[in-house]
PDB file of all heavy atoms in Angstrom:
ATOM      1  N   ALA A   1      22.771 -30.890-166.344  1.00  0.00           N
ATOM      2  CA  ALA A   1      21.538 -30.583-167.072  1.00  0.00           C
ATOM      3  C   ALA A   1      21.077 -31.965-167.679  1.00  0.00           C
ATOM      4  O   ALA A   1      21.832 -32.724-168.159  1.00  0.00           O
ATOM      5  CB  ALA A   1      21.903 -29.696-168.306  1.00  0.00           C
ATOM      6  N   ALA A   2      19.726 -32.133-167.472  1.00  0.00           N
ATOM      7  CA  ALA A   2      19.025 -33.348-167.869  1.00  0.00           C
ATOM      8  C   ALA A   2      18.301 -33.024-169.237  1.00  0.00           C
ATOM      9  O   ALA A   2      17.628 -32.024-169.364  1.00  0.00           O
ATOM     10  CB  ALA A   2      18.092 -33.883-166.806  1.00  0.00           C
ATOM     11  N   SER A   3      18.393 -33.924-170.170  1.00  0.00           N
ATOM     12  CA  SER A   3      17.790 -33.722-171.406  1.00  0.00           C
ATOM     13  C   SER A   3      17.094 -35.106-171.810  1.00  0.00           C
ATOM     14  O   SER A   3      17.364 -36.193-171.193  1.00  0.00           O
ATOM     15  CB  SER A   3      18.706 -33.269-172.493  1.00  0.00           C
ATOM     16  OG  SER A   3      19.759 -34.181-172.745  1.00  0.00           O
ATOM     17  N   GLY A   4      16.379 -35.034-172.864  1.00  0.00           N
ATOM     18  CA  GLY A   4      15.628 -36.285-173.306  1.00  0.00           C
ATOM     19  C   GLY A   4      14.306 -36.307-172.713  1.00  0.00           C
ATOM     20  O   GLY A   4      13.621 -35.275-172.507  1.00  0.00           O
ATOM     21  N   SER A   5      13.811 -37.415-172.261  1.00  0.00           N
ATOM     22  CA  SER A   5      12.600 -37.696-171.733  1.00  0.00           C
ATOM     23  C   SER A   5      12.712 -37.385-170.158  1.00  0.00           C
ATOM     24  O   SER A   5      12.638 -38.394-169.297  1.00  0.00           O
ATOM     25  CB  SER A   5      12.003 -39.104-171.909  1.00  0.00           C
ATOM     26  OG  SER A   5      11.900 -39.297-173.238  1.00  0.00           O
ATOM     27  N   SER A   6      12.843 -36.121-169.797  1.00  0.00           N
ATOM     28  CA  SER A   6      13.270 -35.834-168.468  1.00  0.00           C
ATOM     29  C   SER A   6      12.191 -35.394-167.580  1.00  0.00           C
ATOM     30  O   SER A   6      12.358 -34.696-166.512  1.00  0.00           O
ATOM     31  CB  SER A   6      14.380 -34.668-168.578  1.00  0.00           C
ATOM     32  OG  SER A   6      13.798 -33.617-169.337  1.00  0.00           O
ATOM     33  N   PHE A   7      10.920 -35.810-167.888  1.00  0.00           N
ATOM     34  CA  PHE A   7       9.800 -35.538-166.981  1.00  0.00           C
ATOM     35  C   PHE A   7       9.773 -36.575-165.836  1.00  0.00           C
ATOM     36  O   PHE A   7      10.355 -37.606-165.879  1.00  0.00           O
ATOM     37  CB  PHE A   7       8.501 -35.687-167.830  1.00  0.00           C
ATOM     38  CG  PHE A   7       8.267 -37.091-168.332  1.00  0.00           C
ATOM     39  CD1 PHE A   7       7.542 -37.983-167.677  1.00  0.00           C
ATOM     40  CD2 PHE A   7       8.720 -37.446-169.505  1.00  0.00           C
ATOM     41  CE1 PHE A   7       7.331 -39.225-168.080  1.00  0.00           C
ATOM     42  CE2 PHE A   7       8.560 -38.704-169.991  1.00  0.00           C
ATOM     43  CZ  PHE A   7       7.760 -39.621-169.319  1.00  0.00           C
ATOM     44  N   ARG A   8       9.220 -36.121-164.821  1.00  0.00           N
ATOM     45  CA  ARG A   8       9.014 -36.848-163.454  1.00  0.00           C
ATOM     46  C   ARG A   8      10.369 -37.328-162.899  1.00  0.00           C
ATOM     47  O   ARG A   8      10.517 -38.397-162.423  1.00  0.00           O
ATOM     48  CB  ARG A   8       8.155 -38.126-163.840  1.00  0.00           C
ATOM     49  CG  ARG A   8       6.824 -37.703-164.219  1.00  0.00           C
ATOM     50  CD  ARG A   8       5.884 -38.972-164.438  1.00  0.00           C
ATOM     51  NE  ARG A   8       5.545 -39.541-163.041  1.00  0.00           N
ATOM     52  CZ  ARG A   8       4.778 -40.483-162.785  1.00  0.00           C
ATOM     53  NH1 ARG A   8       4.186 -41.224-163.875  1.00  0.00           N
ATOM     54  NH2 ARG A   8       4.463 -40.887-161.535  1.00  0.00           N
ATOM     55  N   LEU A   9      11.289 -36.346-163.073  1.00  0.00           N
ATOM     56  CA  LEU A   9      12.579 -36.646-162.197  1.00  0.00           C
ATOM     57  C   LEU A   9      12.386 -36.210-160.796  1.00  0.00           C
ATOM     58  O   LEU A   9      12.593 -35.084-160.456  1.00  0.00           O
ATOM     59  CB  LEU A   9      13.752 -35.808-162.911  1.00  0.00           C
ATOM     60  CG  LEU A   9      14.128 -36.078-164.361  1.00  0.00           C
ATOM     61  CD1 LEU A   9      15.221 -35.201-164.713  1.00  0.00           C
ATOM     62  CD2 LEU A   9      14.575 -37.543-164.391  1.00  0.00           C
ATOM     63  N   ASN A  10      12.031 -37.221-160.003  1.00  0.00           N
ATOM     64  CA  ASN A  10      11.649 -37.042-158.610  1.00  0.00           C
ATOM     65  C   ASN A  10      12.837 -36.547-157.764  1.00  0.00           C
ATOM     66  O   ASN A  10      12.668 -35.742-156.863  1.00  0.00           O
ATOM     67  CB  ASN A  10      10.996 -38.288-158.032  1.00  0.00           C
ATOM     68  CG  ASN A  10      10.454 -38.010-156.608  1.00  0.00           C
ATOM     69  OD1 ASN A  10       9.670 -37.141-156.379  1.00  0.00           O
ATOM     70  ND2 ASN A  10      10.947 -38.706-155.598  1.00  0.00           N
ATOM     71  N   ALA A  11      14.043 -37.085-158.111  1.00  0.00           N
ATOM     72  CA  ALA A  11      15.236 -36.691-157.294  1.00  0.00           C
ATOM     73  C   ALA A  11      16.465 -36.580-158.164  1.00  0.00           C
ATOM     74  O   ALA A  11      16.601 -37.303-159.181  1.00  0.00           O
ATOM     75  CB  ALA A  11      15.536 -37.786-156.262  1.00  0.00           C
ATOM     76  N   MET A  12      17.172 -35.550-157.887  1.00  0.00           N
ATOM     77  CA  MET A  12      18.451 -35.452-158.525  1.00  0.00           C
ATOM     78  C   MET A  12      19.591 -35.161-157.429  1.00  0.00           C
ATOM     79  O   MET A  12      19.254 -34.653-156.396  1.00  0.00           O
ATOM     80  CB  MET A  12      18.488 -34.284-159.518  1.00  0.00           C
ATOM     81  CG  MET A  12      17.469 -34.476-160.662  1.00  0.00           C
ATOM     82  SD  MET A  12      17.562 -33.081-161.951  1.00  0.00           S
ATOM     83  CE  MET A  12      19.111 -33.407-162.676  1.00  0.00           C
ATOM     84  N   GLY A  13      20.802 -35.601-157.793  1.00  0.00           N
ATOM     85  CA  GLY A  13      21.803 -35.371-156.748  1.00  0.00           C
ATOM     86  C   GLY A  13      23.189 -35.630-157.289  1.00  0.00           C
ATOM     87  O   GLY A  13      23.452 -35.715-158.567  1.00  0.00           O
ATOM     88  N   TRP A  14      24.113 -35.533-156.387  1.00  0.00           N
ATOM     89  CA  TRP A  14      25.528 -35.722-156.712  1.00  0.00           C
ATOM     90  C   TRP A  14      26.199 -36.816-155.847  1.00  0.00           C
ATOM     91  O   TRP A  14      25.970 -36.895-154.616  1.00  0.00           O
ATOM     92  CB  TRP A  14      26.243 -34.396-156.439  1.00  0.00           C
ATOM     93  CG  TRP A  14      25.825 -33.260-157.433  1.00  0.00           C
ATOM     94  CD1 TRP A  14      24.959 -32.255-157.227  1.00  0.00           C
ATOM     95  CD2 TRP A  14      26.421 -32.995-158.684  1.00  0.00           C
ATOM     96  NE1 TRP A  14      24.835 -31.516-158.199  1.00  0.00           N
ATOM     97  CE2 TRP A  14      25.692 -31.914-159.168  1.00  0.00           C
ATOM     98  CE3 TRP A  14      27.382 -33.590-159.468  1.00  0.00           C
ATOM     99  CZ2 TRP A  14      26.027 -31.358-160.437  1.00  0.00           C
ATOM    100  CZ3 TRP A  14      27.780 -33.018-160.709  1.00  0.00           C
ATOM    101  CH2 TRP A  14      27.029 -31.869-161.140  1.00  0.00           C
ATOM    102  N   TYR A  15      26.975 -37.603-156.569  1.00  0.00           N
ATOM    103  CA  TYR A  15      27.925 -38.567-155.967  1.00  0.00           C
ATOM    104  C   TYR A  15      29.323 -38.219-156.315  1.00  0.00           C
ATOM    105  O   TYR A  15      29.568 -37.554-157.213  1.00  0.00           O
ATOM    106  CB  TYR A  15      27.518 -40.095-156.419  1.00  0.00           C
ATOM    107  CG  TYR A  15      26.161 -40.478-155.816  1.00  0.00           C
ATOM    108  CD1 TYR A  15      24.944 -40.029-156.175  1.00  0.00           C
ATOM    109  CD2 TYR A  15      26.226 -41.557-154.908  1.00  0.00           C
ATOM    110  CE1 TYR A  15      23.704 -40.560-155.733  1.00  0.00           C
ATOM    111  CE2 TYR A  15      25.030 -42.100-154.508  1.00  0.00           C
ATOM    112  CZ  TYR A  15      23.805 -41.581-154.847  1.00  0.00           C
ATOM    113  OH  TYR A  15      22.630 -42.138-154.357  1.00  0.00           O
ATOM    114  N   ARG A  16      30.244 -38.840-155.619  1.00  0.00           N
ATOM    115  CA  ARG A  16      31.609 -38.613-155.876  1.00  0.00           C
ATOM    116  C   ARG A  16      32.429 -39.953-155.627  1.00  0.00           C
ATOM    117  O   ARG A  16      32.090 -40.786-154.795  1.00  0.00           O
ATOM    118  CB  ARG A  16      32.320 -37.534-155.159  1.00  0.00           C
ATOM    119  CG  ARG A  16      32.353 -37.701-153.574  1.00  0.00           C
ATOM    120  CD  ARG A  16      32.888 -36.383-152.959  1.00  0.00           C
ATOM    121  NE  ARG A  16      32.984 -36.530-151.556  1.00  0.00           N
ATOM    122  CZ  ARG A  16      33.278 -35.528-150.742  1.00  0.00           C
ATOM    123  NH1 ARG A  16      33.615 -34.323-151.283  1.00  0.00           N
ATOM    124  NH2 ARG A  16      33.405 -35.693-149.410  1.00  0.00           N
ATOM    125  N   GLN A  17      33.475 -40.194-156.341  1.00  0.00           N
ATOM    126  CA  GLN A  17      34.307 -41.350-156.171  1.00  0.00           C
ATOM    127  C   GLN A  17      35.797 -40.863-156.372  1.00  0.00           C
ATOM    128  O   GLN A  17      36.264 -40.333-157.382  1.00  0.00           O
ATOM    129  CB  GLN A  17      33.993 -42.403-157.305  1.00  0.00           C
ATOM    130  CG  GLN A  17      34.687 -43.714-157.064  1.00  0.00           C
ATOM    131  CD  GLN A  17      34.252 -44.703-157.936  1.00  0.00           C
ATOM    132  OE1 GLN A  17      33.550 -44.418-159.099  1.00  0.00           O
ATOM    133  NE2 GLN A  17      34.449 -45.961-157.684  1.00  0.00           N
ATOM    134  N   ALA A  18      36.507 -41.108-155.227  1.00  0.00           N
ATOM    135  CA  ALA A  18      38.005 -40.911-155.225  1.00  0.00           C
ATOM    136  C   ALA A  18      38.673 -42.163-155.570  1.00  0.00           C
ATOM    137  O   ALA A  18      38.097 -43.229-155.421  1.00  0.00           O
ATOM    138  CB  ALA A  18      38.354 -40.370-153.783  1.00  0.00           C
ATOM    139  N   PRO A  19      39.826 -42.091-156.014  1.00  0.00           N
ATOM    140  CA  PRO A  19      40.721 -43.169-156.296  1.00  0.00           C
ATOM    141  C   PRO A  19      40.812 -44.206-155.117  1.00  0.00           C
ATOM    142  O   PRO A  19      41.136 -43.899-154.084  1.00  0.00           O
ATOM    143  CB  PRO A  19      42.058 -42.734-156.702  1.00  0.00           C
ATOM    144  CG  PRO A  19      41.851 -41.261-157.223  1.00  0.00           C
ATOM    145  CD  PRO A  19      40.668 -40.921-156.404  1.00  0.00           C
ATOM    146  N   GLY A  20      40.477 -45.507-155.430  1.00  0.00           N
ATOM    147  CA  GLY A  20      40.420 -46.532-154.428  1.00  0.00           C
ATOM    148  C   GLY A  20      39.309 -46.664-153.416  1.00  0.00           C
ATOM    149  O   GLY A  20      39.251 -47.393-152.602  1.00  0.00           O
ATOM    150  N   LYS A  21      38.238 -45.707-153.760  1.00  0.00           N
ATOM    151  CA  LYS A  21      37.129 -45.713-152.841  1.00  0.00           C
ATOM    152  C   LYS A  21      35.906 -45.994-153.622  1.00  0.00           C
ATOM    153  O   LYS A  21      35.770 -45.832-154.812  1.00  0.00           O
ATOM    154  CB  LYS A  21      37.010 -44.308-152.159  1.00  0.00           C
ATOM    155  CG  LYS A  21      38.155 -43.968-151.260  1.00  0.00           C
ATOM    156  CD  LYS A  21      38.053 -42.669-150.515  1.00  0.00           C
ATOM    157  CE  LYS A  21      39.157 -42.345-149.521  1.00  0.00           C
ATOM    158  NZ  LYS A  21      38.864 -41.070-148.786  1.00  0.00           N
ATOM    159  N   GLU A  22      34.805 -46.315-152.901  1.00  0.00           N
ATOM    160  CA  GLU A  22      33.494 -46.522-153.524  1.00  0.00           C
ATOM    161  C   GLU A  22      32.799 -45.105-153.845  1.00  0.00           C
ATOM    162  O   GLU A  22      33.033 -44.114-153.246  1.00  0.00           O
ATOM    163  CB  GLU A  22      32.560 -47.287-152.649  1.00  0.00           C
ATOM    164  CG  GLU A  22      33.085 -48.760-152.403  1.00  0.00           C
ATOM    165  CD  GLU A  22      32.189 -49.512-151.464  1.00  0.00           C
ATOM    166  OE1 GLU A  22      31.241 -49.006-150.954  1.00  0.00           O
ATOM    167  OE2 GLU A  22      32.340 -50.728-151.276  1.00  0.00           O
ATOM    168  N   ARG A  23      31.963 -45.212-154.823  1.00  0.00           N
ATOM    169  CA  ARG A  23      31.154 -44.108-155.092  1.00  0.00           C
ATOM    170  C   ARG A  23      30.211 -43.734-153.990  1.00  0.00           C
ATOM    171  O   ARG A  23      29.489 -44.660-153.452  1.00  0.00           O
ATOM    172  CB  ARG A  23      30.440 -44.261-156.431  1.00  0.00           C
ATOM    173  CG  ARG A  23      29.658 -42.921-156.871  1.00  0.00           C
ATOM    174  CD  ARG A  23      28.926 -43.290-158.198  1.00  0.00           C
ATOM    175  NE  ARG A  23      29.915 -43.689-159.295  1.00  0.00           N
ATOM    176  CZ  ARG A  23      29.554 -43.788-160.497  1.00  0.00           C
ATOM    177  NH1 ARG A  23      28.412 -43.544-160.997  1.00  0.00           N
ATOM    178  NH2 ARG A  23      30.562 -44.118-161.465  1.00  0.00           N
ATOM    179  N   ALA A  24      30.182 -42.570-153.501  1.00  0.00           N
ATOM    180  CA  ALA A  24      29.395 -42.165-152.328  1.00  0.00           C
ATOM    181  C   ALA A  24      28.522 -40.886-152.553  1.00  0.00           C
ATOM    182  O   ALA A  24      28.789 -40.073-153.341  1.00  0.00           O
ATOM    183  CB  ALA A  24      30.307 -41.931-151.079  1.00  0.00           C
ATOM    184  N   LEU A  25      27.354 -40.929-151.793  1.00  0.00           N
ATOM    185  CA  LEU A  25      26.472 -39.816-151.965  1.00  0.00           C
ATOM    186  C   LEU A  25      27.058 -38.507-151.377  1.00  0.00           C
ATOM    187  O   LEU A  25      27.751 -38.618-150.401  1.00  0.00           O
ATOM    188  CB  LEU A  25      25.141 -40.163-151.193  1.00  0.00           C
ATOM    189  CG  LEU A  25      24.187 -38.951-151.121  1.00  0.00           C
ATOM    190  CD1 LEU A  25      23.564 -38.727-152.488  1.00  0.00           C
ATOM    191  CD2 LEU A  25      23.093 -39.402-150.140  1.00  0.00           C
ATOM    192  N   VAL A  26      26.818 -37.379-152.091  1.00  0.00           N
ATOM    193  CA  VAL A  26      27.276 -36.062-151.587  1.00  0.00           C
ATOM    194  C   VAL A  26      26.067 -35.333-151.199  1.00  0.00           C
ATOM    195  O   VAL A  26      26.057 -34.809-149.975  1.00  0.00           O
ATOM    196  CB  VAL A  26      28.108 -35.275-152.658  1.00  0.00           C
ATOM    197  CG1 VAL A  26      28.513 -33.946-152.141  1.00  0.00           C
ATOM    198  CG2 VAL A  26      29.366 -36.059-153.072  1.00  0.00           C
ATOM    199  N   ALA A  27      25.056 -35.177-152.055  1.00  0.00           N
ATOM    200  CA  ALA A  27      23.890 -34.455-151.783  1.00  0.00           C
ATOM    201  C   ALA A  27      22.787 -34.856-152.704  1.00  0.00           C
ATOM    202  O   ALA A  27      23.082 -35.164-153.930  1.00  0.00           O
ATOM    203  CB  ALA A  27      24.208 -32.905-151.830  1.00  0.00           C
ATOM    204  N   ILE A  28      21.530 -34.772-152.233  1.00  0.00           N
ATOM    205  CA  ILE A  28      20.369 -34.977-153.075  1.00  0.00           C
ATOM    206  C   ILE A  28      19.313 -33.984-152.810  1.00  0.00           C
ATOM    207  O   ILE A  28      19.289 -33.307-151.786  1.00  0.00           O
ATOM    208  CB  ILE A  28      19.805 -36.401-152.898  1.00  0.00           C
ATOM    209  CG1 ILE A  28      19.338 -36.621-151.387  1.00  0.00           C
ATOM    210  CG2 ILE A  28      20.665 -37.556-153.348  1.00  0.00           C
ATOM    211  CD1 ILE A  28      18.696 -37.874-151.141  1.00  0.00           C
ATOM    212  N   ILE A  29      18.461 -33.755-153.856  1.00  0.00           N
ATOM    213  CA  ILE A  29      17.400 -32.780-153.710  1.00  0.00           C
ATOM    214  C   ILE A  29      16.221 -33.299-154.582  1.00  0.00           C
ATOM    215  O   ILE A  29      16.360 -33.766-155.684  1.00  0.00           O
ATOM    216  CB  ILE A  29      17.788 -31.379-154.146  1.00  0.00           C
ATOM    217  CG1 ILE A  29      16.593 -30.385-154.083  1.00  0.00           C
ATOM    218  CG2 ILE A  29      18.283 -31.405-155.704  1.00  0.00           C
ATOM    219  CD1 ILE A  29      17.060 -28.924-154.182  1.00  0.00           C
ATOM    220  N   THR A  30      15.008 -33.266-153.983  1.00  0.00           N
ATOM    221  CA  THR A  30      13.740 -33.865-154.605  1.00  0.00           C
ATOM    222  C   THR A  30      13.167 -32.665-155.368  1.00  0.00           C
ATOM    223  O   THR A  30      13.558 -31.472-155.178  1.00  0.00           O
ATOM    224  CB  THR A  30      12.813 -34.444-153.566  1.00  0.00           C
ATOM    225  OG1 THR A  30      12.324 -33.336-152.854  1.00  0.00           O
ATOM    226  CG2 THR A  30      13.435 -35.431-152.688  1.00  0.00           C
ATOM    227  N   SER A  31      12.190 -33.075-156.087  1.00  0.00           N
ATOM    228  CA  SER A  31      11.474 -31.964-156.861  1.00  0.00           C
ATOM    229  C   SER A  31      10.646 -31.096-156.056  1.00  0.00           C
ATOM    230  O   SER A  31      10.283 -30.019-156.423  1.00  0.00           O
ATOM    231  CB  SER A  31      10.445 -32.696-157.918  1.00  0.00           C
ATOM    232  OG  SER A  31       9.586 -33.435-157.281  1.00  0.00           O
ATOM    233  N   GLY A  32      10.391 -31.494-154.792  1.00  0.00           N
ATOM    234  CA  GLY A  32       9.686 -30.701-153.893  1.00  0.00           C
ATOM    235  C   GLY A  32      10.731 -29.861-152.851  1.00  0.00           C
ATOM    236  O   GLY A  32      10.142 -29.130-152.058  1.00  0.00           O
ATOM    237  N   GLY A  33      11.956 -29.964-153.160  1.00  0.00           N
ATOM    238  CA  GLY A  33      12.874 -29.193-152.413  1.00  0.00           C
ATOM    239  C   GLY A  33      13.493 -29.836-151.101  1.00  0.00           C
ATOM    240  O   GLY A  33      14.272 -29.106-150.432  1.00  0.00           O
ATOM    241  N   SER A  34      13.231 -31.078-150.929  1.00  0.00           N
ATOM    242  CA  SER A  34      13.912 -31.767-149.725  1.00  0.00           C
ATOM    243  C   SER A  34      15.284 -31.998-149.994  1.00  0.00           C
ATOM    244  O   SER A  34      15.665 -32.556-151.111  1.00  0.00           O
ATOM    245  CB  SER A  34      13.144 -33.090-149.394  1.00  0.00           C
ATOM    246  OG  SER A  34      13.697 -33.834-148.295  1.00  0.00           O
ATOM    247  N   ILE A  35      16.118 -31.804-149.156  1.00  0.00           N
ATOM    248  CA  ILE A  35      17.623 -31.921-149.310  1.00  0.00           C
ATOM    249  C   ILE A  35      18.242 -32.668-148.217  1.00  0.00           C
ATOM    250  O   ILE A  35      18.001 -32.515-147.038  1.00  0.00           O
ATOM    251  CB  ILE A  35      18.165 -30.382-149.335  1.00  0.00           C
ATOM    252  CG1 ILE A  35      17.665 -29.713-150.536  1.00  0.00           C
ATOM    253  CG2 ILE A  35      19.738 -30.532-149.417  1.00  0.00           C
ATOM    254  CD1 ILE A  35      17.990 -28.186-150.579  1.00  0.00           C
ATOM    255  N   ASP A  36      19.330 -33.458-148.617  1.00  0.00           N
ATOM    256  CA  ASP A  36      20.130 -34.127-147.710  1.00  0.00           C
ATOM    257  C   ASP A  36      21.602 -34.080-148.105  1.00  0.00           C
ATOM    258  O   ASP A  36      21.847 -34.051-149.315  1.00  0.00           O
ATOM    259  CB  ASP A  36      19.731 -35.540-147.596  1.00  0.00           C
ATOM    260  CG  ASP A  36      18.424 -35.850-146.771  1.00  0.00           C
ATOM    261  OD1 ASP A  36      18.496 -35.445-145.524  1.00  0.00           O
ATOM    262  OD2 ASP A  36      17.484 -36.373-147.299  1.00  0.00           O
TER     263      ASP A  36
END
């Protein structure tokens, strides 16, 4: 959940980081519904 001045959030997504590894993209979604 986003709070505060949360207008114009064009993209939101999820990253993950396992021990000993770099933080990596899991999934993203734009305000228009585009998903990767």
